[in-house]
Amino acid sequence: MRPATLPSILQKKSQYKVAGSLWIECENERFFGPGRVELLQKIEETGSINKAARLMGMSYKKAWEMISALNVQAARPLVITQTGGEKGGGSVITEEAKQLIAYHYQLRQRFQEFLEKETAGLSHL
C-alpha cells in the first residue's frame, strides 16, 4: 500500500490534533494510568481507601479491586492497609508507589511533548 499524502486527505481550513491516552500494562492488563495515580494520591491525602474512593466518585469495591490489582502486579505492595486500632484502620502508599507516580508524571510529560510535536507537524502540511 502506498503511503498517503496527508495534504490531499486533510481539509484545508480544519484544525487537526494528534491525541491519545497513556497507561502502563502488565501481562496485557492495565497496570498503571491516570485513574490509579489519582487513587493513590487520594489515599495518601486521606489515609483511607474508602475516603479516596468517595472523593473520586467510585465505589469502595472498585477502589479495592484497583489496589488489589496494583499490589499483585507490582514487585512489592504499593498500598499497605492497617486494620483496627484506636482510630480504626487506614491505608498508606509505599515509597515504591510514590516513585511510580513520579515516573508516570515524567512519562506523561514526554508523551504530551510527542503529541504536541506531531500536532505541530500537521499544521505545516
PDB file of N, CA and C in Angstrom:
ATOM      1  N   MET A   1       0.845  -1.176   0.000  1.00  0.00           N
ATOM      2  CA  MET A   1       0.000   0.000   0.000  1.00  0.00           C
ATOM      3  C   MET A   1       0.892   1.241   0.000  1.00  0.00           C
ATOM      4  N   ARG A   2       0.559   2.197  -0.858  1.00  0.00           N
ATOM      5  CA  ARG A   2       1.306   3.454  -0.945  1.00  0.00           C
ATOM      6  C   ARG A   2       1.006   4.332   0.262  1.00  0.00           C
ATOM      7  N   PRO A   3       2.030   4.993   0.809  1.00  0.00           N
ATOM      8  CA  PRO A   3       1.757   5.908   1.923  1.00  0.00           C
ATOM      9  C   PRO A   3       0.896   7.078   1.467  1.00  0.00           C
ATOM     10  N   ALA A   4      -0.029   7.463   2.314  1.00  0.00           N
ATOM     11  CA  ALA A   4      -0.923   8.575   1.982  1.00  0.00           C
ATOM     12  C   ALA A   4      -0.174   9.893   2.072  1.00  0.00           C
ATOM     13  N   THR A   5      -0.539  10.814   1.227  1.00  0.00           N
ATOM     14  CA  THR A   5      -0.016  12.172   1.351  1.00  0.00           C
ATOM     15  C   THR A   5      -1.091  12.978   2.062  1.00  0.00           C
ATOM     16  N   LEU A   6      -0.810  13.344   3.286  1.00  0.00           N
ATOM     17  CA  LEU A   6      -1.811  13.982   4.126  1.00  0.00           C
ATOM     18  C   LEU A   6      -2.386  15.274   3.551  1.00  0.00           C
ATOM     19  N   PRO A   7      -1.595  16.125   2.899  1.00  0.00           N
ATOM     20  CA  PRO A   7      -2.205  17.358   2.390  1.00  0.00           C
ATOM     21  C   PRO A   7      -3.399  17.108   1.470  1.00  0.00           C
ATOM     22  N   SER A   8      -3.387  16.005   0.762  1.00  0.00           N
ATOM     23  CA  SER A   8      -4.516  15.728  -0.128  1.00  0.00           C
ATOM     24  C   SER A   8      -5.689  15.090   0.619  1.00  0.00           C
ATOM     25  N   ILE A   9      -5.470  14.659   1.837  1.00  0.00           N
ATOM     26  CA  ILE A   9      -6.516  13.989   2.620  1.00  0.00           C
ATOM     27  C   ILE A   9      -7.191  14.944   3.602  1.00  0.00           C
ATOM     28  N   LEU A  10      -6.409  15.831   4.210  1.00  0.00           N
ATOM     29  CA  LEU A  10      -6.935  16.722   5.242  1.00  0.00           C
ATOM     30  C   LEU A  10      -7.640  17.927   4.639  1.00  0.00           C
ATOM     31  N   GLN A  11      -8.699  18.362   5.286  1.00  0.00           N
ATOM     32  CA  GLN A  11      -9.410  19.566   4.844  1.00  0.00           C
ATOM     33  C   GLN A  11      -8.544  20.785   5.126  1.00  0.00           C
ATOM     34  N   LYS A  12      -8.553  21.726   4.207  1.00  0.00           N
ATOM     35  CA  LYS A  12      -7.658  22.886   4.291  1.00  0.00           C
ATOM     36  C   LYS A  12      -7.918  23.774   5.501  1.00  0.00           C
ATOM     37  N   LYS A  13      -9.143  24.071   5.825  1.00  0.00           N
ATOM     38  CA  LYS A  13      -9.438  25.046   6.878  1.00  0.00           C
ATOM     39  C   LYS A  13      -9.815  24.405   8.209  1.00  0.00           C
ATOM     40  N   SER A  14      -9.543  23.130   8.372  1.00  0.00           N
ATOM     41  CA  SER A  14      -9.860  22.437   9.622  1.00  0.00           C
ATOM     42  C   SER A  14      -8.610  22.333  10.488  1.00  0.00           C
ATOM     43  N   GLN A  15      -8.820  22.289  11.796  1.00  0.00           N
ATOM     44  CA  GLN A  15      -7.711  22.117  12.724  1.00  0.00           C
ATOM     45  C   GLN A  15      -7.674  20.661  13.171  1.00  0.00           C
ATOM     46  N   TYR A  16      -6.540  20.029  12.983  1.00  0.00           N
ATOM     47  CA  TYR A  16      -6.350  18.643  13.379  1.00  0.00           C
ATOM     48  C   TYR A  16      -5.401  18.592  14.574  1.00  0.00           C
ATOM     49  N   LYS A  17      -5.611  17.594  15.411  1.00  0.00           N
ATOM     50  CA  LYS A  17      -4.796  17.435  16.608  1.00  0.00           C
ATOM     51  C   LYS A  17      -4.522  15.945  16.805  1.00  0.00           C
ATOM     52  N   VAL A  18      -3.284  15.614  17.139  1.00  0.00           N
ATOM     53  CA  VAL A  18      -2.940  14.241  17.486  1.00  0.00           C
ATOM     54  C   VAL A  18      -3.222  14.077  18.979  1.00  0.00           C
ATOM     55  N   ALA A  19      -4.003  13.068  19.350  1.00  0.00           N
ATOM     56  CA  ALA A  19      -4.402  12.860  20.737  1.00  0.00           C
ATOM     57  C   ALA A  19      -4.195  11.397  21.117  1.00  0.00           C
ATOM     58  N   GLY A  20      -4.182  11.134  22.394  1.00  0.00           N
ATOM     59  CA  GLY A  20      -4.045   9.756  22.838  1.00  0.00           C
ATOM     60  C   GLY A  20      -4.086   9.647  24.347  1.00  0.00           C
ATOM     61  N   SER A  21      -4.227   8.432  24.809  1.00  0.00           N
ATOM     62  CA  SER A  21      -4.208   8.120  26.234  1.00  0.00           C
ATOM     63  C   SER A  21      -2.950   7.308  26.513  1.00  0.00           C
ATOM     64  N   LEU A  22      -2.531   7.316  27.751  1.00  0.00           N
ATOM     65  CA  LEU A  22      -1.295   6.631  28.111  1.00  0.00           C
ATOM     66  C   LEU A  22      -1.478   5.880  29.417  1.00  0.00           C
ATOM     67  N   TRP A  23      -1.090   4.625  29.413  1.00  0.00           N
ATOM     68  CA  TRP A  23      -1.067   3.829  30.626  1.00  0.00           C
ATOM     69  C   TRP A  23      -0.017   2.753  30.459  1.00  0.00           C
ATOM     70  N   ILE A  24       0.342   2.108  31.546  1.00  0.00           N
ATOM     71  CA  ILE A  24       1.305   1.019  31.538  1.00  0.00           C
ATOM     72  C   ILE A  24       0.529  -0.277  31.711  1.00  0.00           C
ATOM     73  N   GLU A  25       0.895  -1.289  30.930  1.00  0.00           N
ATOM     74  CA  GLU A  25       0.252  -2.602  31.037  1.00  0.00           C
ATOM     75  C   GLU A  25       1.229  -3.628  31.597  1.00  0.00           C
ATOM     76  N   CYS A  26       0.679  -4.649  32.211  1.00  0.00           N
ATOM     77  CA  CYS A  26       1.438  -5.788  32.716  1.00  0.00           C
ATOM     78  C   CYS A  26       0.701  -7.050  32.289  1.00  0.00           C
ATOM     79  N   GLU A  27       1.387  -7.898  31.539  1.00  0.00           N
ATOM     80  CA  GLU A  27       0.762  -9.146  31.069  1.00  0.00           C
ATOM     81  C   GLU A  27      -0.557  -8.871  30.343  1.00  0.00           C
ATOM     82  N   ASN A  28      -0.563  -7.857  29.492  1.00  0.00           N
ATOM     83  CA  ASN A  28      -1.721  -7.462  28.686  1.00  0.00           C
ATOM     84  C   ASN A  28      -2.913  -6.966  29.499  1.00  0.00           C
ATOM     85  N   GLU A  29      -2.681  -6.588  30.737  1.00  0.00           N
ATOM     86  CA  GLU A  29      -3.731  -5.998  31.565  1.00  0.00           C
ATOM     87  C   GLU A  29      -3.285  -4.617  32.000  1.00  0.00           C
ATOM     88  N   ARG A  30      -4.240  -3.714  32.136  1.00  0.00           N
ATOM     89  CA  ARG A  30      -3.917  -2.366  32.574  1.00  0.00           C
ATOM     90  C   ARG A  30      -3.309  -2.425  33.977  1.00  0.00           C
ATOM     91  N   PHE A  31      -2.162  -1.790  34.114  1.00  0.00           N
ATOM     92  CA  PHE A  31      -1.459  -1.775  35.395  1.00  0.00           C
ATOM     93  C   PHE A  31      -1.504  -0.394  36.041  1.00  0.00           C
ATOM     94  N   PHE A  32      -1.097   0.638  35.288  1.00  0.00           N
ATOM     95  CA  PHE A  32      -0.959   1.948  35.912  1.00  0.00           C
ATOM     96  C   PHE A  32      -1.278   3.041  34.913  1.00  0.00           C
ATOM     97  N   GLY A  33      -2.181   3.923  35.309  1.00  0.00           N
ATOM     98  CA  GLY A  33      -2.571   5.038  34.463  1.00  0.00           C
ATOM     99  C   GLY A  33      -3.145   6.156  35.314  1.00  0.00           C
ATOM    100  N   PRO A  34      -3.756   7.143  34.685  1.00  0.00           N
ATOM    101  CA  PRO A  34      -4.244   8.321  35.401  1.00  0.00           C
ATOM    102  C   PRO A  34      -5.201   8.019  36.554  1.00  0.00           C
ATOM    103  N   GLY A  35      -6.108   7.079  36.379  1.00  0.00           N
ATOM    104  CA  GLY A  35      -7.068   6.760  37.440  1.00  0.00           C
ATOM    105  C   GLY A  35      -6.393   6.181  38.668  1.00  0.00           C
ATOM    106  N   ARG A  36      -5.426   5.313  38.453  1.00  0.00           N
ATOM    107  CA  ARG A  36      -4.732   4.698  39.586  1.00  0.00           C
ATOM    108  C   ARG A  36      -3.782   5.692  40.248  1.00  0.00           C
ATOM    109  N   VAL A  37      -3.202   6.586  39.448  1.00  0.00           N
ATOM    110  CA  VAL A  37      -2.386   7.655  40.025  1.00  0.00           C
ATOM    111  C   VAL A  37      -3.248   8.488  40.966  1.00  0.00           C
ATOM    112  N   GLU A  38      -4.412   8.894  40.486  1.00  0.00           N
ATOM    113  CA  GLU A  38      -5.301   9.723  41.308  1.00  0.00           C
ATOM    114  C   GLU A  38      -5.732   8.984  42.574  1.00  0.00           C
ATOM    115  N   LEU A  39      -6.059   7.704  42.432  1.00  0.00           N
ATOM    116  CA  LEU A  39      -6.476   6.923  43.599  1.00  0.00           C
ATOM    117  C   LEU A  39      -5.353   6.857  44.632  1.00  0.00           C
ATOM    118  N   LEU A  40      -4.145   6.580  44.195  1.00  0.00           N
ATOM    119  CA  LEU A  40      -3.023   6.529  45.137  1.00  0.00           C
ATOM    120  C   LEU A  40      -2.803   7.883  45.813  1.00  0.00           C
ATOM    121  N   GLN A  41      -2.916   8.956  45.046  1.00  0.00           N
ATOM    122  CA  GLN A  41      -2.743  10.289  45.634  1.00  0.00           C
ATOM    123  C   GLN A  41      -3.829  10.591  46.664  1.00  0.00           C
ATOM    124  N   LYS A  42      -5.055  10.183  46.368  1.00  0.00           N
ATOM    125  CA  LYS A  42      -6.153  10.413  47.316  1.00  0.00           C
ATOM    126  C   LYS A  42      -5.974   9.561  48.573  1.00  0.00           C
ATOM    127  N   ILE A  43      -5.450   8.361  48.414  1.00  0.00           N
ATOM    128  CA  ILE A  43      -5.178   7.518  49.585  1.00  0.00           C
ATOM    129  C   ILE A  43      -4.101   8.181  50.442  1.00  0.00           C
ATOM    130  N   GLU A  44      -3.086   8.719  49.791  1.00  0.00           N
ATOM    131  CA  GLU A  44      -2.026   9.401  50.535  1.00  0.00           C
ATOM    132  C   GLU A  44      -2.587  10.615  51.289  1.00  0.00           C
ATOM    133  N   GLU A  45      -3.481  11.366  50.637  1.00  0.00           N
ATOM    134  CA  GLU A  45      -4.077  12.559  51.257  1.00  0.00           C
ATOM    135  C   GLU A  45      -4.983  12.213  52.433  1.00  0.00           C
ATOM    136  N   THR A  46      -5.811  11.175  52.261  1.00  0.00           N
ATOM    137  CA  THR A  46      -6.845  10.880  53.254  1.00  0.00           C
ATOM    138  C   THR A  46      -6.473   9.783  54.239  1.00  0.00           C
ATOM    139  N   GLY A  47      -5.516   8.928  53.860  1.00  0.00           N
ATOM    140  CA  GLY A  47      -5.173   7.790  54.706  1.00  0.00           C
ATOM    141  C   GLY A  47      -6.208   6.688  54.665  1.00  0.00           C
ATOM    142  N   SER A  48      -7.074   6.709  53.629  1.00  0.00           N
ATOM    143  CA  SER A  48      -8.185   5.755  53.585  1.00  0.00           C
ATOM    144  C   SER A  48      -8.569   5.434  52.144  1.00  0.00           C
ATOM    145  N   ILE A  49      -8.703   4.145  51.858  1.00  0.00           N
ATOM    146  CA  ILE A  49      -9.186   3.741  50.536  1.00  0.00           C
ATOM    147  C   ILE A  49     -10.635   4.177  50.365  1.00  0.00           C
ATOM    148  N   ASN A  50     -11.433   4.016  51.417  1.00  0.00           N
ATOM    149  CA  ASN A  50     -12.849   4.371  51.355  1.00  0.00           C
ATOM    150  C   ASN A  50     -13.031   5.872  51.080  1.00  0.00           C
ATOM    151  N   LYS A  51     -12.304   6.711  51.809  1.00  0.00           N
ATOM    152  CA  LYS A  51     -12.416   8.157  51.599  1.00  0.00           C
ATOM    153  C   LYS A  51     -11.909   8.551  50.215  1.00  0.00           C
ATOM    154  N   ALA A  52     -10.830   7.926  49.784  1.00  0.00           N
ATOM    155  CA  ALA A  52     -10.280   8.209  48.453  1.00  0.00           C
ATOM    156  C   ALA A  52     -11.304   7.861  47.376  1.00  0.00           C
ATOM    157  N   ALA A  53     -11.935   6.704  47.531  1.00  0.00           N
ATOM    158  CA  ALA A  53     -12.942   6.278  46.556  1.00  0.00           C
ATOM    159  C   ALA A  53     -14.096   7.267  46.507  1.00  0.00           C
ATOM    160  N   ARG A  54     -14.567   7.682  47.675  1.00  0.00           N
ATOM    161  CA  ARG A  54     -15.678   8.644  47.723  1.00  0.00           C
ATOM    162  C   ARG A  54     -15.313   9.951  47.036  1.00  0.00           C
ATOM    163  N   LEU A  55     -14.094  10.447  47.276  1.00  0.00           N
ATOM    164  CA  LEU A  55     -13.652  11.688  46.635  1.00  0.00           C
ATOM    165  C   LEU A  55     -13.631  11.573  45.112  1.00  0.00           C
ATOM    166  N   MET A  56     -13.379  10.350  44.631  1.00  0.00           N
ATOM    167  CA  MET A  56     -13.306  10.126  43.185  1.00  0.00           C
ATOM    168  C   MET A  56     -14.656   9.723  42.597  1.00  0.00           C
ATOM    169  N   GLY A  57     -15.659   9.559  43.446  1.00  0.00           N
ATOM    170  CA  GLY A  57     -16.973   9.156  42.951  1.00  0.00           C
ATOM    171  C   GLY A  57     -17.018   7.702  42.503  1.00  0.00           C
ATOM    172  N   MET A  58     -16.209   6.870  43.129  1.00  0.00           N
ATOM    173  CA  MET A  58     -16.219   5.446  42.774  1.00  0.00           C
ATOM    174  C   MET A  58     -16.562   4.620  44.000  1.00  0.00           C
ATOM    175  N   SER A  59     -16.981   3.412  43.771  1.00  0.00           N
ATOM    176  CA  SER A  59     -17.341   2.538  44.878  1.00  0.00           C
ATOM    177  C   SER A  59     -16.073   2.051  45.589  1.00  0.00           C
ATOM    178  N   TYR A  60     -16.244   1.711  46.852  1.00  0.00           N
ATOM    179  CA  TYR A  60     -15.132   1.150  47.618  1.00  0.00           C
ATOM    180  C   TYR A  60     -14.666  -0.140  46.955  1.00  0.00           C
ATOM    181  N   LYS A  61     -15.620  -0.930  46.476  1.00  0.00           N
ATOM    182  CA  LYS A  61     -15.289  -2.208  45.824  1.00  0.00           C
ATOM    183  C   LYS A  61     -14.388  -1.985  44.622  1.00  0.00           C
ATOM    184  N   LYS A  62     -14.713  -1.019  43.789  1.00  0.00           N
ATOM    185  CA  LYS A  62     -13.910  -0.712  42.605  1.00  0.00           C
ATOM    186  C   LYS A  62     -12.508  -0.258  43.025  1.00  0.00           C
ATOM    187  N   ALA A  63     -12.425   0.625  44.018  1.00  0.00           N
ATOM    188  CA  ALA A  63     -11.130   1.110  44.501  1.00  0.00           C
ATOM    189  C   ALA A  63     -10.308  -0.050  45.050  1.00  0.00           C
ATOM    190  N   TRP A  64     -10.944  -0.914  45.826  1.00  0.00           N
ATOM    191  CA  TRP A  64     -10.243  -2.055  46.396  1.00  0.00           C
ATOM    192  C   TRP A  64      -9.735  -2.978  45.299  1.00  0.00           C
ATOM    193  N   GLU A  65     -10.518  -3.201  44.261  1.00  0.00           N
ATOM    194  CA  GLU A  65     -10.089  -4.044  43.137  1.00  0.00           C
ATOM    195  C   GLU A  65      -8.869  -3.436  42.436  1.00  0.00           C
ATOM    196  N   MET A  66      -8.868  -2.118  42.275  1.00  0.00           N
ATOM    197  CA  MET A  66      -7.732  -1.449  41.647  1.00  0.00           C
ATOM    198  C   MET A  66      -6.473  -1.589  42.509  1.00  0.00           C
ATOM    199  N   ILE A  67      -6.618  -1.400  43.806  1.00  0.00           N
ATOM    200  CA  ILE A  67      -5.487  -1.514  44.725  1.00  0.00           C
ATOM    201  C   ILE A  67      -4.980  -2.950  44.758  1.00  0.00           C
ATOM    202  N   SER A  68      -5.888  -3.889  44.801  1.00  0.00           N
ATOM    203  CA  SER A  68      -5.507  -5.298  44.824  1.00  0.00           C
ATOM    204  C   SER A  68      -4.725  -5.662  43.559  1.00  0.00           C
ATOM    205  N   ALA A  69      -5.205  -5.199  42.400  1.00  0.00           N
ATOM    206  CA  ALA A  69      -4.504  -5.472  41.134  1.00  0.00           C
ATOM    207  C   ALA A  69      -3.117  -4.839  41.138  1.00  0.00           C
ATOM    208  N   LEU A  70      -3.017  -3.598  41.616  1.00  0.00           N
ATOM    209  CA  LEU A  70      -1.707  -2.942  41.698  1.00  0.00           C
ATOM    210  C   LEU A  70      -0.747  -3.744  42.570  1.00  0.00           C
ATOM    211  N   ASN A  71      -1.223  -4.156  43.731  1.00  0.00           N
ATOM    212  CA  ASN A  71      -0.367  -4.885  44.666  1.00  0.00           C
ATOM    213  C   ASN A  71       0.066  -6.241  44.114  1.00  0.00           C
ATOM    214  N   VAL A  72      -0.784  -6.889  43.343  1.00  0.00           N
ATOM    215  CA  VAL A  72      -0.444  -8.185  42.757  1.00  0.00           C
ATOM    216  C   VAL A  72       0.544  -8.010  41.596  1.00  0.00           C
ATOM    217  N   GLN A  73       0.336  -6.978  40.781  1.00  0.00           N
ATOM    218  CA  GLN A  73       1.166  -6.789  39.587  1.00  0.00           C
ATOM    219  C   GLN A  73       2.534  -6.190  39.886  1.00  0.00           C
ATOM    220  N   ALA A  74       2.682  -5.492  41.000  1.00  0.00           N
ATOM    221  CA  ALA A  74       3.956  -4.874  41.359  1.00  0.00           C
ATOM    222  C   ALA A  74       4.841  -5.872  42.111  1.00  0.00           C
ATOM    223  N   ALA A  75       6.147  -5.624  42.094  1.00  0.00           N
ATOM    224  CA  ALA A  75       7.089  -6.494  42.802  1.00  0.00           C
ATOM    225  C   ALA A  75       6.874  -6.438  44.311  1.00  0.00           C
ATOM    226  N   ARG A  76       6.477  -5.268  44.798  1.00  0.00           N
ATOM    227  CA  ARG A  76       6.178  -5.071  46.224  1.00  0.00           C
ATOM    228  C   ARG A  76       4.863  -4.322  46.327  1.00  0.00           C
ATOM    229  N   PRO A  77       4.144  -4.456  47.433  1.00  0.00           N
ATOM    230  CA  PRO A  77       2.864  -3.740  47.572  1.00  0.00           C
ATOM    231  C   PRO A  77       3.042  -2.230  47.413  1.00  0.00           C
ATOM    232  N   LEU A  78       2.055  -1.605  46.779  1.00  0.00           N
ATOM    233  CA  LEU A  78       2.041  -0.165  46.604  1.00  0.00           C
ATOM    234  C   LEU A  78       1.149   0.515  47.640  1.00  0.00           C
ATOM    235  N   VAL A  79       0.225  -0.251  48.194  1.00  0.00           N
ATOM    236  CA  VAL A  79      -0.656   0.250  49.260  1.00  0.00           C
ATOM    237  C   VAL A  79      -0.636  -0.767  50.391  1.00  0.00           C
ATOM    238  N   ILE A  80      -0.456  -0.263  51.597  1.00  0.00           N
ATOM    239  CA  ILE A  80      -0.474  -1.117  52.781  1.00  0.00           C
ATOM    240  C   ILE A  80      -1.669  -0.710  53.629  1.00  0.00           C
ATOM    241  N   THR A  81      -2.511  -1.692  53.928  1.00  0.00           N
ATOM    242  CA  THR A  81      -3.693  -1.415  54.748  1.00  0.00           C
ATOM    243  C   THR A  81      -3.370  -1.740  56.203  1.00  0.00           C
ATOM    244  N   GLN A  82      -3.970  -0.952  57.085  1.00  0.00           N
ATOM    245  CA  GLN A  82      -3.797  -1.141  58.521  1.00  0.00           C
ATOM    246  C   GLN A  82      -5.186  -1.273  59.125  1.00  0.00           C
ATOM    247  N   THR A  83      -5.414  -2.343  59.854  1.00  0.00           N
ATOM    248  CA  THR A  83      -6.735  -2.572  60.426  1.00  0.00           C
ATOM    249  C   THR A  83      -6.735  -2.276  61.918  1.00  0.00           C
ATOM    250  N   GLY A  84      -7.939  -1.990  62.412  1.00  0.00           N
ATOM    251  CA  GLY A  84      -8.149  -1.837  63.848  1.00  0.00           C
ATOM    252  C   GLY A  84      -7.469  -0.632  64.457  1.00  0.00           C
ATOM    253  N   GLY A  85      -7.200  -0.755  65.738  1.00  0.00           N
ATOM    254  CA  GLY A  85      -6.567   0.343  66.458  1.00  0.00           C
ATOM    255  C   GLY A  85      -7.591   1.294  67.037  1.00  0.00           C
ATOM    256  N   GLU A  86      -7.121   2.226  67.831  1.00  0.00           N
ATOM    257  CA  GLU A  86      -7.989   3.190  68.497  1.00  0.00           C
ATOM    258  C   GLU A  86      -8.762   4.061  67.514  1.00  0.00           C
ATOM    259  N   LYS A  87      -8.083   4.482  66.457  1.00  0.00           N
ATOM    260  CA  LYS A  87      -8.714   5.363  65.470  1.00  0.00           C
ATOM    261  C   LYS A  87      -9.230   4.584  64.257  1.00  0.00           C
ATOM    262  N   GLY A  88      -9.313   3.283  64.373  1.00  0.00           N
ATOM    263  CA  GLY A  88      -9.744   2.475  63.237  1.00  0.00           C
ATOM    264  C   GLY A  88      -8.565   2.153  62.347  1.00  0.00           C
ATOM    265  N   GLY A  89      -8.845   1.683  61.160  1.00  0.00           N
ATOM    266  CA  GLY A  89      -7.788   1.293  60.233  1.00  0.00           C
ATOM    267  C   GLY A  89      -7.331   2.459  59.397  1.00  0.00           C
ATOM    268  N   GLY A  90      -6.762   2.133  58.300  1.00  0.00           N
ATOM    269  CA  GLY A  90      -6.290   3.143  57.380  1.00  0.00           C
ATOM    270  C   GLY A  90      -5.414   2.511  56.334  1.00  0.00           C
ATOM    271  N   SER A  91      -4.914   3.323  55.442  1.00  0.00           N
ATOM    272  CA  SER A  91      -4.053   2.836  54.378  1.00  0.00           C
ATOM    273  C   SER A  91      -2.979   3.863  54.087  1.00  0.00           C
ATOM    274  N   VAL A  92      -1.824   3.373  53.688  1.00  0.00           N
ATOM    275  CA  VAL A  92      -0.727   4.247  53.282  1.00  0.00           C
ATOM    276  C   VAL A  92      -0.160   3.735  51.970  1.00  0.00           C
ATOM    277  N   ILE A  93       0.358   4.669  51.182  1.00  0.00           N
ATOM    278  CA  ILE A  93       1.053   4.251  49.969  1.00  0.00           C
ATOM    279  C   ILE A  93       2.538   4.120  50.302  1.00  0.00           C
ATOM    280  N   THR A  94       3.193   3.216  49.613  1.00  0.00           N
ATOM    281  CA  THR A  94       4.602   2.948  49.884  1.00  0.00           C
ATOM    282  C   THR A  94       5.499   3.897  49.094  1.00  0.00           C
ATOM    283  N   GLU A  95       6.766   3.851  49.423  1.00  0.00           N
ATOM    284  CA  GLU A  95       7.756   4.645  48.684  1.00  0.00           C
ATOM    285  C   GLU A  95       7.772   4.229  47.212  1.00  0.00           C
ATOM    286  N   GLU A  96       7.577   2.938  46.957  1.00  0.00           N
ATOM    287  CA  GLU A  96       7.522   2.452  45.576  1.00  0.00           C
ATOM    288  C   GLU A  96       6.359   3.093  44.815  1.00  0.00           C
ATOM    289  N   ALA A  97       5.234   3.260  45.492  1.00  0.00           N
ATOM    290  CA  ALA A  97       4.077   3.914  44.862  1.00  0.00           C
ATOM    291  C   ALA A  97       4.417   5.356  44.517  1.00  0.00           C
ATOM    292  N   LYS A  98       5.093   6.037  45.414  1.00  0.00           N
ATOM    293  CA  LYS A  98       5.478   7.428  45.161  1.00  0.00           C
ATOM    294  C   LYS A  98       6.434   7.521  43.985  1.00  0.00           C
ATOM    295  N   GLN A  99       7.356   6.578  43.892  1.00  0.00           N
ATOM    296  CA  GLN A  99       8.295   6.556  42.766  1.00  0.00           C
ATOM    297  C   GLN A  99       7.566   6.273  41.453  1.00  0.00           C
ATOM    298  N   LEU A 100       6.596   5.372  41.493  1.00  0.00           N
ATOM    299  CA  LEU A 100       5.827   5.050  40.289  1.00  0.00           C
ATOM    300  C   LEU A 100       4.986   6.241  39.838  1.00  0.00           C
ATOM    301  N   ILE A 101       4.416   6.969  40.773  1.00  0.00           N
ATOM    302  CA  ILE A 101       3.658   8.180  40.441  1.00  0.00           C
ATOM    303  C   ILE A 101       4.575   9.195  39.764  1.00  0.00           C
ATOM    304  N   ALA A 102       5.768   9.398  40.330  1.00  0.00           N
ATOM    305  CA  ALA A 102       6.721  10.351  39.746  1.00  0.00           C
ATOM    306  C   ALA A 102       7.130   9.913  38.340  1.00  0.00           C
ATOM    307  N   TYR A 103       7.384   8.620  38.167  1.00  0.00           N
ATOM    308  CA  TYR A 103       7.741   8.106  36.843  1.00  0.00           C
ATOM    309  C   TYR A 103       6.604   8.346  35.850  1.00  0.00           C
ATOM    310  N   HIS A 104       5.385   8.084  36.284  1.00  0.00           N
ATOM    311  CA  HIS A 104       4.240   8.237  35.395  1.00  0.00           C
ATOM    312  C   HIS A 104       4.074   9.692  34.966  1.00  0.00           C
ATOM    313  N   TYR A 105       4.294  10.635  35.878  1.00  0.00           N
ATOM    314  CA  TYR A 105       4.216  12.048  35.513  1.00  0.00           C
ATOM    315  C   TYR A 105       5.277  12.402  34.469  1.00  0.00           C
ATOM    316  N   GLN A 106       6.484  11.894  34.645  1.00  0.00           N
ATOM    317  CA  GLN A 106       7.545  12.145  33.662  1.00  0.00           C
ATOM    318  C   GLN A 106       7.188  11.523  32.315  1.00  0.00           C
ATOM    319  N   LEU A 107       6.669  10.313  32.342  1.00  0.00           N
ATOM    320  CA  LEU A 107       6.255   9.629  31.121  1.00  0.00           C
ATOM    321  C   LEU A 107       5.154  10.405  30.411  1.00  0.00           C
ATOM    322  N   ARG A 108       4.174  10.890  31.165  1.00  0.00           N
ATOM    323  CA  ARG A 108       3.081  11.682  30.583  1.00  0.00           C
ATOM    324  C   ARG A 108       3.599  12.980  29.968  1.00  0.00           C
ATOM    325  N   GLN A 109       4.589  13.591  30.601  1.00  0.00           N
ATOM    326  CA  GLN A 109       5.165  14.819  30.051  1.00  0.00           C
ATOM    327  C   GLN A 109       5.823  14.539  28.695  1.00  0.00           C
ATOM    328  N   ARG A 110       6.592  13.467  28.621  1.00  0.00           N
ATOM    329  CA  ARG A 110       7.226  13.101  27.338  1.00  0.00           C
ATOM    330  C   ARG A 110       6.178  12.763  26.288  1.00  0.00           C
ATOM    331  N   PHE A 111       5.128  12.091  26.694  1.00  0.00           N
ATOM    332  CA  PHE A 111       4.046  11.727  25.785  1.00  0.00           C
ATOM    333  C   PHE A 111       3.340  12.986  25.276  1.00  0.00           C
ATOM    334  N   GLN A 112       3.087  13.930  26.174  1.00  0.00           N
ATOM    335  CA  GLN A 112       2.441  15.187  25.786  1.00  0.00           C
ATOM    336  C   GLN A 112       3.312  15.955  24.794  1.00  0.00           C
ATOM    337  N   GLU A 113       4.610  15.967  25.025  1.00  0.00           N
ATOM    338  CA  GLU A 113       5.524  16.631  24.096  1.00  0.00           C
ATOM    339  C   GLU A 113       5.474  15.966  22.719  1.00  0.00           C
ATOM    340  N   PHE A 114       5.405  14.624  22.693  1.00  0.00           N
ATOM    341  CA  PHE A 114       5.274  13.896  21.434  1.00  0.00           C
ATOM    342  C   PHE A 114       3.990  14.294  20.711  1.00  0.00           C
ATOM    343  N   LEU A 115       2.871  14.319  21.448  1.00  0.00           N
ATOM    344  CA  LEU A 115       1.587  14.680  20.840  1.00  0.00           C
ATOM    345  C   LEU A 115       1.634  16.097  20.265  1.00  0.00           C
ATOM    346  N   GLU A 116       2.216  17.019  21.004  1.00  0.00           N
ATOM    347  CA  GLU A 116       2.305  18.406  20.542  1.00  0.00           C
ATOM    348  C   GLU A 116       3.182  18.515  19.296  1.00  0.00           C
ATOM    349  N   LYS A 117       4.281  17.773  19.269  1.00  0.00           N
ATOM    350  CA  LYS A 117       5.176  17.788  18.108  1.00  0.00           C
ATOM    351  C   LYS A 117       4.449  17.249  16.872  1.00  0.00           C
ATOM    352  N   GLU A 118       3.740  16.157  17.036  1.00  0.00           N
ATOM    353  CA  GLU A 118       3.008  15.569  15.910  1.00  0.00           C
ATOM    354  C   GLU A 118       1.885  16.489  15.446  1.00  0.00           C
ATOM    355  N   THR A 119       1.201  17.126  16.378  1.00  0.00           N
ATOM    356  CA  THR A 119       0.143  18.083  16.029  1.00  0.00           C
ATOM    357  C   THR A 119       0.735  19.261  15.252  1.00  0.00           C
ATOM    358  N   ALA A 120       1.878  19.763  15.702  1.00  0.00           N
ATOM    359  CA  ALA A 120       2.539  20.863  15.006  1.00  0.00           C
ATOM    360  C   ALA A 120       2.906  20.448  13.582  1.00  0.00           C
ATOM    361  N   GLY A 121       3.294  19.209  13.409  1.00  0.00           N
ATOM    362  CA  GLY A 121       3.624  18.711  12.077  1.00  0.00           C
ATOM    363  C   GLY A 121       2.421  18.714  11.143  1.00  0.00           C
ATOM    364  N   LEU A 122       1.250  18.486  11.697  1.00  0.00           N
ATOM    365  CA  LEU A 122       0.031  18.513  10.885  1.00  0.00           C
ATOM    366  C   LEU A 122      -0.271  19.925  10.383  1.00  0.00           C
ATOM    367  N   SER A 123       0.049  20.907  11.193  1.00  0.00           N
ATOM    368  CA  SER A 123      -0.283  22.287  10.797  1.00  0.00           C
ATOM    369  C   SER A 123       0.649  22.813   9.708  1.00  0.00           C
ATOM    370  N   HIS A 124       1.762  22.133   9.485  1.00  0.00           N
ATOM    371  CA  HIS A 124       2.702  22.577   8.441  1.00  0.00           C
ATOM    372  C   HIS A 124       2.423  21.922   7.096  1.00  0.00           C
ATOM    373  N   LEU A 125       1.409  21.110   7.018  1.00  0.00           N
ATOM    374  CA  LEU A 125       1.097  20.435   5.744  1.00  0.00           C
ATOM    375  C   LEU A 125       0.367  21.337   4.790  1.00  0.00           C
TER     376      LEU A 125
END
